[in-house]
Each structure stands twice: as structure tokens, then as C-alpha cells.
Amino acid sequence: MTNESPLWFKSSFSGNGGADCVEVAHNLVPALGIVPVRDSKVPAGPALAVSAAAFTAFVDAVKER
């Protein structure tokens, strides 16, 4: 059985006590191939669904900076 509810995760690198960050739900990658992303300050707001490949490329690019 697949859990298709996002389990949100906030980065430990969040600034301002964690208030200035986005959250991701990487648990949906195996079932759906997506990584939902949302504003941590508005958890009931909209989420952006990004492909797992695009999210990995983004994280890799950020790490290179």
C-alpha cells in the first residue's frame, strides 16, 4: 500500500528560526515521482509539484554554490 499524503520536511538550514523556508515532501517520489514544495509560512496554501529529477537537479545546483 502506498501512502499518498505528503509528509512535510523543513530544512535544518532554515533561517530566522525556521520561518524563512520552504517545505518539501519527498515521500511521494516512489509512488508518484514528484516532490511537492510549499511555503512553510503558509502550510494551508498551495503546493508546487516538481518532478523528482528536476528537484534533484535543483538541489545539486544549490550545493555547488
Protein backbone atom coordinates (compact mmCIF):
# COMPACT_ATOMS: atom_id res chain seq x y z
CA MET A 1 0.00 0.00 0.00
CA THR A 2 1.25 3.48 -0.85
CA ASN A 3 0.94 6.48 1.43
CA GLU A 4 -0.04 9.33 -0.89
CA SER A 5 -0.29 12.02 1.79
CA PRO A 6 2.65 14.43 1.86
CA LEU A 7 4.92 14.17 4.88
CA TRP A 8 6.37 17.67 5.01
CA PHE A 9 10.02 18.29 5.88
CA LYS A 10 11.67 21.63 6.63
CA SER A 11 15.40 22.10 6.08
CA SER A 12 17.65 22.31 9.12
CA PHE A 13 19.28 25.25 7.30
CA SER A 14 16.14 27.37 7.66
CA GLY A 15 16.93 30.92 8.63
CA ASN A 16 15.08 33.07 11.17
CA GLY A 17 14.25 30.16 13.46
CA GLY A 18 12.80 28.19 10.58
CA ALA A 19 10.37 30.88 9.47
CA ASP A 20 12.08 31.69 6.15
CA CYS A 21 11.96 28.38 4.39
CA VAL A 22 10.13 26.08 2.09
CA GLU A 23 8.99 22.59 2.96
CA VAL A 24 9.19 19.50 0.76
CA ALA A 25 7.51 16.11 0.90
CA HIS A 26 9.96 13.61 -0.54
CA ASN A 27 7.84 10.60 0.48
CA LEU A 28 5.79 10.87 -2.73
CA VAL A 29 8.75 10.18 -5.03
CA PRO A 30 8.43 6.36 -5.04
CA ALA A 31 4.69 6.35 -5.72
CA LEU A 32 4.19 9.43 -7.87
CA GLY A 33 7.64 10.62 -8.99
CA ILE A 34 7.02 14.12 -7.63
CA VAL A 35 8.31 16.32 -4.82
CA PRO A 36 5.68 18.74 -3.51
CA VAL A 37 7.09 22.10 -2.35
CA ARG A 38 5.27 24.71 -0.24
CA ASP A 39 5.86 27.89 1.74
CA SER A 40 6.42 26.97 5.39
CA LYS A 41 4.74 30.22 6.48
CA VAL A 42 1.51 29.25 4.68
CA PRO A 43 1.14 25.49 5.19
CA ALA A 44 -2.52 25.51 4.15
CA GLY A 45 -1.63 27.36 0.93
CA PRO A 46 -0.85 25.88 -2.46
CA ALA A 47 1.96 23.42 -3.12
CA LEU A 48 4.04 23.17 -6.26
CA ALA A 49 4.58 19.64 -7.61
CA VAL A 50 8.07 19.25 -9.10
CA SER A 51 9.37 16.14 -10.82
CA ALA A 52 11.90 14.19 -8.77
CA ALA A 53 14.53 14.69 -11.48
CA ALA A 54 14.01 18.46 -11.56
CA PHE A 55 14.16 18.69 -7.77
CA THR A 56 17.38 16.66 -7.65
CA ALA A 57 18.92 18.91 -10.31
CA PHE A 58 17.89 21.99 -8.32
CA VAL A 59 19.39 20.68 -5.06
CA ASP A 60 22.61 19.68 -6.82
CA ALA A 61 22.90 23.15 -8.37
CA VAL A 62 22.36 24.85 -5.00
CA LYS A 63 25.00 22.66 -3.36
CA GLU A 64 27.55 23.79 -5.96
CA ARG A 65 27.23 27.45 -4.91
